[in-house]
Amino acid sequence: MRTSYRALVPMLLLASACATTRPTAARQDILQVLSTQTAAWNRGDVAGFMQGYWQSDSLMFIGKSGLTYGWQPTLDNYRRSYPSAEAMGQLTFSNLRVQPLSPTAAHVVGRWHLARPAAGDLSGHFLLVLRKLNGRWVIVADHSS
């Protein structure tokens, strides 16, 4: 029995290492999505910001105006609410908590802040649900307050 146990230890250690590395890689990839979105927003590029979202009619966005389904309607809402780079301001995310749920699903909780000297700052919190689709992490649901 000892021989079997000793043979299992390296396999268990390897499995444990793999289990902890995957979530770390997922976290890094998800944080990169948010970083890319922030850079696009801060350039005044709403369409670039939307590249972090799932380009599907099933995308779900919940905000102050209620529920919106679909990538294009969500983009249209952003463009209506933020018609210029000045209205968009400078975006920062903070207090990010990335929680992988499986190899292909995760959620992120955090705080957003728009610094807008002329129009007044805005801020709130969000919960994002992300899925890894076709090898890429994308936001499939966004609930922002």
C-alpha atoms as a PDB file:
ATOM      1  CA  MET A   1       0.000   0.000   0.000  1.00  0.00           C
ATOM      2  CA  ARG A   2       2.882   2.387   0.721  1.00  0.00           C
ATOM      3  CA  THR A   3       4.172   2.084  -2.816  1.00  0.00           C
ATOM      4  CA  SER A   4       0.783   3.066  -4.251  1.00  0.00           C
ATOM      5  CA  TYR A   5       0.539   6.029  -1.892  1.00  0.00           C
ATOM      6  CA  ARG A   6       4.044   7.220  -2.779  1.00  0.00           C
ATOM      7  CA  ALA A   7       3.255   6.949  -6.448  1.00  0.00           C
ATOM      8  CA  LEU A   8       0.093   9.004  -5.939  1.00  0.00           C
ATOM      9  CA  VAL A   9       1.789  11.898  -4.133  1.00  0.00           C
ATOM     10  CA  PRO A  10       3.589  13.325  -7.215  1.00  0.00           C
ATOM     11  CA  MET A  11       0.410  12.960  -9.267  1.00  0.00           C
ATOM     12  CA  LEU A  12      -1.642  14.767  -6.613  1.00  0.00           C
ATOM     13  CA  LEU A  13       0.934  17.540  -6.393  1.00  0.00           C
ATOM     14  CA  LEU A  14       0.932  17.936 -10.177  1.00  0.00           C
ATOM     15  CA  ALA A  15      -2.887  18.000 -10.269  1.00  0.00           C
ATOM     16  CA  SER A  16      -2.907  20.586  -7.499  1.00  0.00           C
ATOM     17  CA  ALA A  17      -0.340  22.741  -9.321  1.00  0.00           C
ATOM     18  CA  CYS A  18      -2.349  22.565 -12.543  1.00  0.00           C
ATOM     19  CA  ALA A  19      -5.550  23.466 -10.722  1.00  0.00           C
ATOM     20  CA  THR A  20      -3.958  26.571  -9.230  1.00  0.00           C
ATOM     21  CA  THR A  21      -2.200  27.647 -12.424  1.00  0.00           C
ATOM     22  CA  ARG A  22      -5.300  27.616 -14.591  1.00  0.00           C
ATOM     23  CA  PRO A  23      -7.236  30.093 -12.436  1.00  0.00           C
ATOM     24  CA  THR A  24      -4.163  32.349 -12.303  1.00  0.00           C
ATOM     25  CA  ALA A  25      -3.917  32.339 -16.104  1.00  0.00           C
ATOM     26  CA  ALA A  26      -7.662  32.954 -16.359  1.00  0.00           C
ATOM     27  CA  ARG A  27      -7.407  35.879 -13.936  1.00  0.00           C
ATOM     28  CA  GLN A  28      -4.563  37.394 -15.946  1.00  0.00           C
ATOM     29  CA  ASP A  29      -6.468  36.979 -19.216  1.00  0.00           C
ATOM     30  CA  ILE A  30      -9.625  38.489 -17.725  1.00  0.00           C
ATOM     31  CA  LEU A  31      -7.714  41.423 -16.243  1.00  0.00           C
ATOM     32  CA  GLN A  32      -6.198  41.973 -19.696  1.00  0.00           C
ATOM     33  CA  VAL A  33      -9.710  42.207 -21.182  1.00  0.00           C
ATOM     34  CA  LEU A  34     -10.577  44.895 -18.625  1.00  0.00           C
ATOM     35  CA  SER A  35      -7.288  46.704 -19.228  1.00  0.00           C
ATOM     36  CA  THR A  36      -7.891  46.731 -22.991  1.00  0.00           C
ATOM     37  CA  GLN A  37     -11.405  48.052 -22.407  1.00  0.00           C
ATOM     38  CA  THR A  38     -10.099  50.807 -20.133  1.00  0.00           C
ATOM     39  CA  ALA A  39      -7.524  51.903 -22.720  1.00  0.00           C
ATOM     40  CA  ALA A  40     -10.165  52.019 -25.477  1.00  0.00           C
ATOM     41  CA  TRP A  41     -12.596  53.974 -23.282  1.00  0.00           C
ATOM     42  CA  ASN A  42      -9.919  56.474 -22.310  1.00  0.00           C
ATOM     43  CA  ARG A  43      -9.172  57.053 -26.019  1.00  0.00           C
ATOM     44  CA  GLY A  44     -12.866  57.852 -26.561  1.00  0.00           C
ATOM     45  CA  ASP A  45     -13.322  54.585 -28.513  1.00  0.00           C
ATOM     46  CA  VAL A  46     -16.672  53.085 -27.470  1.00  0.00           C
ATOM     47  CA  ALA A  47     -16.580  50.455 -30.235  1.00  0.00           C
ATOM     48  CA  GLY A  48     -13.115  49.386 -29.040  1.00  0.00           C
ATOM     49  CA  PHE A  49     -14.411  49.196 -25.470  1.00  0.00           C
ATOM     50  CA  MET A  50     -17.230  46.931 -26.657  1.00  0.00           C
ATOM     51  CA  GLN A  51     -14.733  44.403 -28.059  1.00  0.00           C
ATOM     52  CA  GLY A  52     -14.550  42.990 -24.539  1.00  0.00           C
ATOM     53  CA  TYR A  53     -18.200  41.984 -24.785  1.00  0.00           C
ATOM     54  CA  TRP A  54     -19.697  38.904 -26.432  1.00  0.00           C
ATOM     55  CA  GLN A  55     -20.854  39.925 -29.907  1.00  0.00           C
ATOM     56  CA  SER A  56     -24.180  38.148 -29.619  1.00  0.00           C
ATOM     57  CA  ASP A  57     -27.875  38.924 -29.335  1.00  0.00           C
ATOM     58  CA  SER A  58     -27.686  37.017 -26.039  1.00  0.00           C
ATOM     59  CA  LEU A  59     -25.345  39.523 -24.369  1.00  0.00           C
ATOM     60  CA  MET A  60     -27.135  40.865 -21.290  1.00  0.00           C
ATOM     61  CA  PHE A  61     -26.525  44.329 -19.827  1.00  0.00           C
ATOM     62  CA  ILE A  62     -28.331  45.594 -16.744  1.00  0.00           C
ATOM     63  CA  GLY A  63     -27.855  49.269 -15.925  1.00  0.00           C
ATOM     64  CA  LYS A  64     -29.744  52.314 -14.699  1.00  0.00           C
ATOM     65  CA  SER A  65     -32.136  52.131 -17.671  1.00  0.00           C
ATOM     66  CA  GLY A  66     -32.990  48.476 -17.115  1.00  0.00           C
ATOM     67  CA  LEU A  67     -32.215  45.353 -19.102  1.00  0.00           C
ATOM     68  CA  THR A  68     -30.701  45.375 -22.578  1.00  0.00           C
ATOM     69  CA  TYR A  69     -30.118  42.263 -24.675  1.00  0.00           C
ATOM     70  CA  GLY A  70     -27.625  42.177 -27.517  1.00  0.00           C
ATOM     71  CA  TRP A  71     -24.235  43.579 -28.410  1.00  0.00           C
ATOM     72  CA  GLN A  72     -25.491  46.201 -30.882  1.00  0.00           C
ATOM     73  CA  PRO A  73     -28.215  47.626 -28.594  1.00  0.00           C
ATOM     74  CA  THR A  74     -25.647  47.811 -25.773  1.00  0.00           C
ATOM     75  CA  LEU A  75     -23.225  49.674 -28.048  1.00  0.00           C
ATOM     76  CA  ASP A  76     -26.054  52.006 -29.119  1.00  0.00           C
ATOM     77  CA  ASN A  77     -26.901  52.727 -25.466  1.00  0.00           C
ATOM     78  CA  TYR A  78     -23.267  53.539 -24.673  1.00  0.00           C
ATOM     79  CA  ARG A  79     -23.038  55.868 -27.681  1.00  0.00           C
ATOM     80  CA  ARG A  80     -26.270  57.616 -26.652  1.00  0.00           C
ATOM     81  CA  SER A  81     -25.157  58.022 -23.032  1.00  0.00           C
ATOM     82  CA  TYR A  82     -21.585  59.037 -23.886  1.00  0.00           C
ATOM     83  CA  PRO A  83     -21.710  60.952 -27.200  1.00  0.00           C
ATOM     84  CA  SER A  84     -18.175  62.379 -26.951  1.00  0.00           C
ATOM     85  CA  ALA A  85     -14.775  61.700 -25.434  1.00  0.00           C
ATOM     86  CA  GLU A  86     -15.452  64.521 -22.972  1.00  0.00           C
ATOM     87  CA  ALA A  87     -18.706  62.881 -21.861  1.00  0.00           C
ATOM     88  CA  MET A  88     -16.895  59.545 -21.546  1.00  0.00           C
ATOM     89  CA  GLY A  89     -14.138  60.914 -19.326  1.00  0.00           C
ATOM     90  CA  GLN A  90     -11.362  58.717 -17.996  1.00  0.00           C
ATOM     91  CA  LEU A  91     -12.306  55.261 -16.748  1.00  0.00           C
ATOM     92  CA  THR A  92     -10.676  53.408 -13.876  1.00  0.00           C
ATOM     93  CA  PHE A  93     -11.600  50.089 -12.341  1.00  0.00           C
ATOM     94  CA  SER A  94     -10.758  49.290  -8.724  1.00  0.00           C
ATOM     95  CA  ASN A  95     -11.441  46.725  -6.009  1.00  0.00           C
ATOM     96  CA  LEU A  96     -11.473  44.027  -8.669  1.00  0.00           C
ATOM     97  CA  ARG A  97     -12.263  40.544  -7.503  1.00  0.00           C
ATOM     98  CA  VAL A  98     -11.897  37.933 -10.246  1.00  0.00           C
ATOM     99  CA  GLN A  99     -13.458  34.582  -9.399  1.00  0.00           C
ATOM    100  CA  PRO A 100     -12.935  31.723 -11.867  1.00  0.00           C
ATOM    101  CA  LEU A 101     -15.920  29.367 -11.671  1.00  0.00           C
ATOM    102  CA  SER A 102     -14.714  26.754 -14.153  1.00  0.00           C
ATOM    103  CA  PRO A 103     -12.098  26.597 -16.922  1.00  0.00           C
ATOM    104  CA  THR A 104     -14.515  28.516 -19.175  1.00  0.00           C
ATOM    105  CA  ALA A 105     -16.503  30.729 -16.787  1.00  0.00           C
ATOM    106  CA  ALA A 106     -15.728  33.453 -14.260  1.00  0.00           C
ATOM    107  CA  HIS A 107     -17.237  36.484 -12.635  1.00  0.00           C
ATOM    108  CA  VAL A 108     -15.692  39.808 -11.696  1.00  0.00           C
ATOM    109  CA  VAL A 109     -16.928  42.211  -9.051  1.00  0.00           C
ATOM    110  CA  GLY A 110     -15.500  45.692  -8.866  1.00  0.00           C
ATOM    111  CA  ARG A 111     -15.926  49.428  -8.844  1.00  0.00           C
ATOM    112  CA  TRP A 112     -15.852  51.770 -11.838  1.00  0.00           C
ATOM    113  CA  HIS A 113     -15.143  55.493 -11.828  1.00  0.00           C
ATOM    114  CA  LEU A 114     -15.361  58.058 -14.614  1.00  0.00           C
ATOM    115  CA  ALA A 115     -13.336  61.214 -14.038  1.00  0.00           C
ATOM    116  CA  ARG A 116     -15.148  63.926 -16.019  1.00  0.00           C
ATOM    117  CA  PRO A 117     -13.921  67.405 -15.068  1.00  0.00           C
ATOM    118  CA  ALA A 118     -16.499  69.287 -17.139  1.00  0.00           C
ATOM    119  CA  ALA A 119     -19.520  66.999 -16.760  1.00  0.00           C
ATOM    120  CA  GLY A 120     -19.024  65.689 -13.218  1.00  0.00           C
ATOM    121  CA  ASP A 121     -17.642  62.369 -12.092  1.00  0.00           C
ATOM    122  CA  LEU A 122     -19.667  59.169 -12.128  1.00  0.00           C
ATOM    123  CA  SER A 123     -19.009  55.931 -10.265  1.00  0.00           C
ATOM    124  CA  GLY A 124     -20.604  52.684  -9.261  1.00  0.00           C
ATOM    125  CA  HIS A 125     -20.124  48.969  -8.899  1.00  0.00           C
ATOM    126  CA  PHE A 126     -20.440  46.071 -11.297  1.00  0.00           C
ATOM    127  CA  LEU A 127     -20.739  42.324 -11.600  1.00  0.00           C
ATOM    128  CA  LEU A 128     -19.508  40.812 -14.847  1.00  0.00           C
ATOM    129  CA  VAL A 129     -20.010  37.244 -15.990  1.00  0.00           C
ATOM    130  CA  LEU A 130     -17.359  36.128 -18.452  1.00  0.00           C
ATOM    131  CA  ARG A 131     -17.050  33.017 -20.567  1.00  0.00           C
ATOM    132  CA  LYS A 132     -14.153  31.705 -22.552  1.00  0.00           C
ATOM    133  CA  LEU A 133     -15.562  31.298 -26.051  1.00  0.00           C
ATOM    134  CA  ASN A 134     -13.427  30.290 -29.021  1.00  0.00           C
ATOM    135  CA  GLY A 135     -10.314  30.626 -26.855  1.00  0.00           C
ATOM    136  CA  ARG A 136     -11.119  34.214 -25.773  1.00  0.00           C
ATOM    137  CA  TRP A 137     -12.605  35.610 -22.560  1.00  0.00           C
ATOM    138  CA  VAL A 138     -15.633  37.828 -23.206  1.00  0.00           C
ATOM    139  CA  ILE A 139     -18.241  39.495 -21.009  1.00  0.00           C
ATOM    140  CA  VAL A 140     -21.586  37.729 -21.492  1.00  0.00           C
ATOM    141  CA  ALA A 141     -23.482  39.598 -18.762  1.00  0.00           C
ATOM    142  CA  ASP A 142     -22.857  42.982 -17.124  1.00  0.00           C
ATOM    143  CA  HIS A 143     -24.792  44.390 -14.188  1.00  0.00           C
ATOM    144  CA  SER A 144     -23.521  47.901 -13.493  1.00  0.00           C
ATOM    145  CA  SER A 145     -24.932  50.327 -10.968  1.00  0.00           C
END
